[in-house]
Amino acid sequence: MPEQNLVLFVCLHASAKSLIAAEYFNERAAEQGVPFHAVSAGTEPDDSVPPHVVAGMRGDGYDVSQRIPLRLTRELATPARIAVSFEPELADYVPPGCIVERWSVPAVSDDYAIARDAIKARVDGLLSKLTR
């Protein structure tokens, strides 16, 4: 897959919102034949994915139990064509010309299903834009 087709999802800890978004994006992009790949990263990544996120995602068919959240770096962000921030400021990380979106969704820690559904709706909207 060409590196220039990277979508970067960023949240503070890289272990909930951005992780859900990246996993769902990659599954749906593959199903739809969209030539993009997503990565999840955080400005202050957790050491591991919290148990409630692992359990919620397992229920959705994703095994993230062994996933180590990635730290956002300029190097990681350099190939990104699109970057989606759930909170952190991305200007110091993303390359010129990278499209940056800021998404506001409910906290995963408050209600996994509500947050997941909001994230999936935004991802579906992004995929729709990419297929136009």
C-alpha atoms as a PDB file:
ATOM      1  CA  MET A   1       0.000   0.000   0.000  1.00  0.00           C
ATOM      2  CA  PRO A   2       1.461   3.390  -0.934  1.00  0.00           C
ATOM      3  CA  GLU A   3       2.582   5.391   2.098  1.00  0.00           C
ATOM      4  CA  GLN A   4       1.020   8.567   0.745  1.00  0.00           C
ATOM      5  CA  ASN A   5      -2.412   7.057   1.432  1.00  0.00           C
ATOM      6  CA  LEU A   6      -2.058   7.186   5.206  1.00  0.00           C
ATOM      7  CA  VAL A   7      -4.862   8.415   7.434  1.00  0.00           C
ATOM      8  CA  LEU A   8      -3.654   9.289  10.920  1.00  0.00           C
ATOM      9  CA  PHE A   9      -6.108   9.198  13.830  1.00  0.00           C
ATOM     10  CA  VAL A  10      -4.804  10.971  16.937  1.00  0.00           C
ATOM     11  CA  CYS A  11      -6.127  11.155  20.467  1.00  0.00           C
ATOM     12  CA  LEU A  12      -4.362  11.858  23.727  1.00  0.00           C
ATOM     13  CA  HIS A  13      -3.619   8.264  24.786  1.00  0.00           C
ATOM     14  CA  ALA A  14      -3.895   6.348  21.459  1.00  0.00           C
ATOM     15  CA  SER A  15      -5.858   3.684  23.268  1.00  0.00           C
ATOM     16  CA  ALA A  16      -9.533   4.451  22.713  1.00  0.00           C
ATOM     17  CA  LYS A  17     -10.979   6.967  20.209  1.00  0.00           C
ATOM     18  CA  SER A  18      -8.136   6.880  17.676  1.00  0.00           C
ATOM     19  CA  LEU A  19      -7.773   3.117  18.033  1.00  0.00           C
ATOM     20  CA  ILE A  20     -11.478   2.482  17.415  1.00  0.00           C
ATOM     21  CA  ALA A  21     -11.390   4.855  14.437  1.00  0.00           C
ATOM     22  CA  ALA A  22      -8.292   3.269  12.869  1.00  0.00           C
ATOM     23  CA  GLU A  23      -9.499  -0.322  13.266  1.00  0.00           C
ATOM     24  CA  TYR A  24     -12.942   0.465  11.873  1.00  0.00           C
ATOM     25  CA  PHE A  25     -11.482   2.604   9.061  1.00  0.00           C
ATOM     26  CA  ASN A  26      -9.102  -0.160   7.966  1.00  0.00           C
ATOM     27  CA  GLU A  27     -11.861  -2.767   7.949  1.00  0.00           C
ATOM     28  CA  ARG A  28     -14.304  -0.597   5.979  1.00  0.00           C
ATOM     29  CA  ALA A  29     -11.622   0.709   3.570  1.00  0.00           C
ATOM     30  CA  ALA A  30     -10.608  -2.861   2.744  1.00  0.00           C
ATOM     31  CA  GLU A  31     -14.238  -3.871   2.196  1.00  0.00           C
ATOM     32  CA  GLN A  32     -14.849  -0.885  -0.085  1.00  0.00           C
ATOM     33  CA  GLY A  33     -11.535  -1.103  -1.944  1.00  0.00           C
ATOM     34  CA  VAL A  34     -10.489   2.358  -0.730  1.00  0.00           C
ATOM     35  CA  PRO A  35      -6.679   2.626  -1.133  1.00  0.00           C
ATOM     36  CA  PHE A  36      -6.019   4.178   2.295  1.00  0.00           C
ATOM     37  CA  HIS A  37      -4.641   2.714   5.507  1.00  0.00           C
ATOM     38  CA  ALA A  38      -5.114   4.169   8.991  1.00  0.00           C
ATOM     39  CA  VAL A  39      -2.827   4.343  12.006  1.00  0.00           C
ATOM     40  CA  SER A  40      -3.691   5.336  15.574  1.00  0.00           C
ATOM     41  CA  ALA A  41      -1.312   7.476  17.652  1.00  0.00           C
ATOM     42  CA  GLY A  42      -1.320   9.663  20.739  1.00  0.00           C
ATOM     43  CA  THR A  43       0.567  12.616  22.142  1.00  0.00           C
ATOM     44  CA  GLU A  44       0.660  10.952  25.587  1.00  0.00           C
ATOM     45  CA  PRO A  45       0.180   7.255  24.758  1.00  0.00           C
ATOM     46  CA  ASP A  46      -0.886   4.766  27.394  1.00  0.00           C
ATOM     47  CA  ASP A  47       1.352   1.767  28.075  1.00  0.00           C
ATOM     48  CA  SER A  48      -1.464  -0.534  26.974  1.00  0.00           C
ATOM     49  CA  VAL A  49      -5.075  -0.483  25.824  1.00  0.00           C
ATOM     50  CA  PRO A  50      -7.447  -0.205  28.829  1.00  0.00           C
ATOM     51  CA  PRO A  51      -9.481  -3.329  29.670  1.00  0.00           C
ATOM     52  CA  HIS A  52     -12.860  -1.675  28.925  1.00  0.00           C
ATOM     53  CA  VAL A  53     -11.652  -0.756  25.426  1.00  0.00           C
ATOM     54  CA  VAL A  54     -10.215  -4.240  24.834  1.00  0.00           C
ATOM     55  CA  ALA A  55     -13.539  -5.754  25.945  1.00  0.00           C
ATOM     56  CA  GLY A  56     -15.644  -3.382  23.860  1.00  0.00           C
ATOM     57  CA  MET A  57     -13.558  -3.869  20.756  1.00  0.00           C
ATOM     58  CA  ARG A  58     -13.469  -7.638  21.270  1.00  0.00           C
ATOM     59  CA  GLY A  59     -17.276  -7.506  21.253  1.00  0.00           C
ATOM     60  CA  ASP A  60     -17.048  -5.683  17.919  1.00  0.00           C
ATOM     61  CA  GLY A  61     -14.714  -8.318  16.457  1.00  0.00           C
ATOM     62  CA  TYR A  62     -11.338  -6.595  16.946  1.00  0.00           C
ATOM     63  CA  ASP A  63      -8.560  -8.066  19.078  1.00  0.00           C
ATOM     64  CA  VAL A  64      -6.473  -5.166  20.373  1.00  0.00           C
ATOM     65  CA  SER A  65      -5.388  -6.928  23.573  1.00  0.00           C
ATOM     66  CA  GLN A  66      -1.726  -6.994  22.504  1.00  0.00           C
ATOM     67  CA  ARG A  67      -1.676  -3.555  20.889  1.00  0.00           C
ATOM     68  CA  ILE A  68       0.863  -1.066  22.208  1.00  0.00           C
ATOM     69  CA  PRO A  69      -0.350   2.524  21.680  1.00  0.00           C
ATOM     70  CA  LEU A  70       1.981   4.520  19.417  1.00  0.00           C
ATOM     71  CA  ARG A  71       3.457   7.906  20.274  1.00  0.00           C
ATOM     72  CA  LEU A  72       2.743  10.612  17.707  1.00  0.00           C
ATOM     73  CA  THR A  73       5.976  11.821  16.127  1.00  0.00           C
ATOM     74  CA  ARG A  74       6.769  13.934  13.089  1.00  0.00           C
ATOM     75  CA  GLU A  75       8.255  10.820  11.472  1.00  0.00           C
ATOM     76  CA  LEU A  76       5.046   8.845  11.978  1.00  0.00           C
ATOM     77  CA  ALA A  77       2.919  11.735  10.683  1.00  0.00           C
ATOM     78  CA  THR A  78       5.117  12.624   7.674  1.00  0.00           C
ATOM     79  CA  PRO A  79       3.377  10.328   5.151  1.00  0.00           C
ATOM     80  CA  ALA A  80      -0.144  11.268   6.332  1.00  0.00           C
ATOM     81  CA  ARG A  81      -2.487  12.720   3.725  1.00  0.00           C
ATOM     82  CA  ILE A  82      -5.295  13.108   6.250  1.00  0.00           C
ATOM     83  CA  ALA A  83      -4.977  13.534  10.020  1.00  0.00           C
ATOM     84  CA  VAL A  84      -7.948  13.392  12.364  1.00  0.00           C
ATOM     85  CA  SER A  85      -7.543  14.776  15.855  1.00  0.00           C
ATOM     86  CA  PHE A  86      -9.906  13.900  18.665  1.00  0.00           C
ATOM     87  CA  GLU A  87      -8.245  16.542  20.838  1.00  0.00           C
ATOM     88  CA  PRO A  88      -4.500  17.145  20.404  1.00  0.00           C
ATOM     89  CA  GLU A  89      -3.137  19.976  18.296  1.00  0.00           C
ATOM     90  CA  LEU A  90      -1.426  18.487  15.221  1.00  0.00           C
ATOM     91  CA  ALA A  91       0.246  21.482  13.573  1.00  0.00           C
ATOM     92  CA  ASP A  92       3.700  20.595  14.930  1.00  0.00           C
ATOM     93  CA  TYR A  93       3.471  17.039  13.592  1.00  0.00           C
ATOM     94  CA  VAL A  94       1.751  16.871  10.213  1.00  0.00           C
ATOM     95  CA  PRO A  95       3.398  17.789   6.918  1.00  0.00           C
ATOM     96  CA  PRO A  96       2.360  20.773   4.780  1.00  0.00           C
ATOM     97  CA  GLY A  97      -0.634  19.866   2.634  1.00  0.00           C
ATOM     98  CA  CYS A  98      -1.959  17.280   5.067  1.00  0.00           C
ATOM     99  CA  ILE A  99      -5.702  17.689   5.544  1.00  0.00           C
ATOM    100  CA  VAL A 100      -6.469  18.031   9.257  1.00  0.00           C
ATOM    101  CA  GLU A 101      -9.914  17.422  10.722  1.00  0.00           C
ATOM    102  CA  ARG A 102     -10.948  17.772  14.347  1.00  0.00           C
ATOM    103  CA  TRP A 103     -13.669  15.430  15.526  1.00  0.00           C
ATOM    104  CA  SER A 104     -15.602  15.840  18.748  1.00  0.00           C
ATOM    105  CA  VAL A 105     -17.150  12.613  20.019  1.00  0.00           C
ATOM    106  CA  PRO A 106     -18.328  11.386  23.430  1.00  0.00           C
ATOM    107  CA  ALA A 107     -15.779   9.905  25.845  1.00  0.00           C
ATOM    108  CA  VAL A 108     -15.203   6.176  25.438  1.00  0.00           C
ATOM    109  CA  SER A 109     -14.790   5.884  29.211  1.00  0.00           C
ATOM    110  CA  ASP A 110     -18.334   7.237  29.730  1.00  0.00           C
ATOM    111  CA  ASP A 111     -20.096   4.868  27.330  1.00  0.00           C
ATOM    112  CA  TYR A 112     -18.204   2.680  24.888  1.00  0.00           C
ATOM    113  CA  ALA A 113     -21.175   1.996  22.577  1.00  0.00           C
ATOM    114  CA  ILE A 114     -22.216   5.640  22.241  1.00  0.00           C
ATOM    115  CA  ALA A 115     -18.635   6.751  21.556  1.00  0.00           C
ATOM    116  CA  ARG A 116     -18.017   3.883  19.122  1.00  0.00           C
ATOM    117  CA  ASP A 117     -21.187   4.659  17.173  1.00  0.00           C
ATOM    118  CA  ALA A 118     -20.243   8.356  16.930  1.00  0.00           C
ATOM    119  CA  ILE A 119     -16.743   7.442  15.735  1.00  0.00           C
ATOM    120  CA  LYS A 120     -18.061   4.932  13.189  1.00  0.00           C
ATOM    121  CA  ALA A 121     -20.459   7.544  11.776  1.00  0.00           C
ATOM    122  CA  ARG A 122     -17.580  10.017  11.333  1.00  0.00           C
ATOM    123  CA  VAL A 123     -15.364   7.333   9.756  1.00  0.00           C
ATOM    124  CA  ASP A 124     -18.156   6.397   7.342  1.00  0.00           C
ATOM    125  CA  GLY A 125     -18.437  10.075   6.383  1.00  0.00           C
ATOM    126  CA  LEU A 126     -14.683  10.288   5.778  1.00  0.00           C
ATOM    127  CA  LEU A 127     -14.734   7.139   3.651  1.00  0.00           C
ATOM    128  CA  SER A 128     -17.616   8.576   1.654  1.00  0.00           C
ATOM    129  CA  LYS A 129     -15.527  11.699   0.914  1.00  0.00           C
ATOM    130  CA  LEU A 130     -12.552   9.556  -0.122  1.00  0.00           C
ATOM    131  CA  THR A 131     -14.617   7.541  -2.601  1.00  0.00           C
ATOM    132  CA  ARG A 132     -16.047  10.589  -4.384  1.00  0.00           C
END
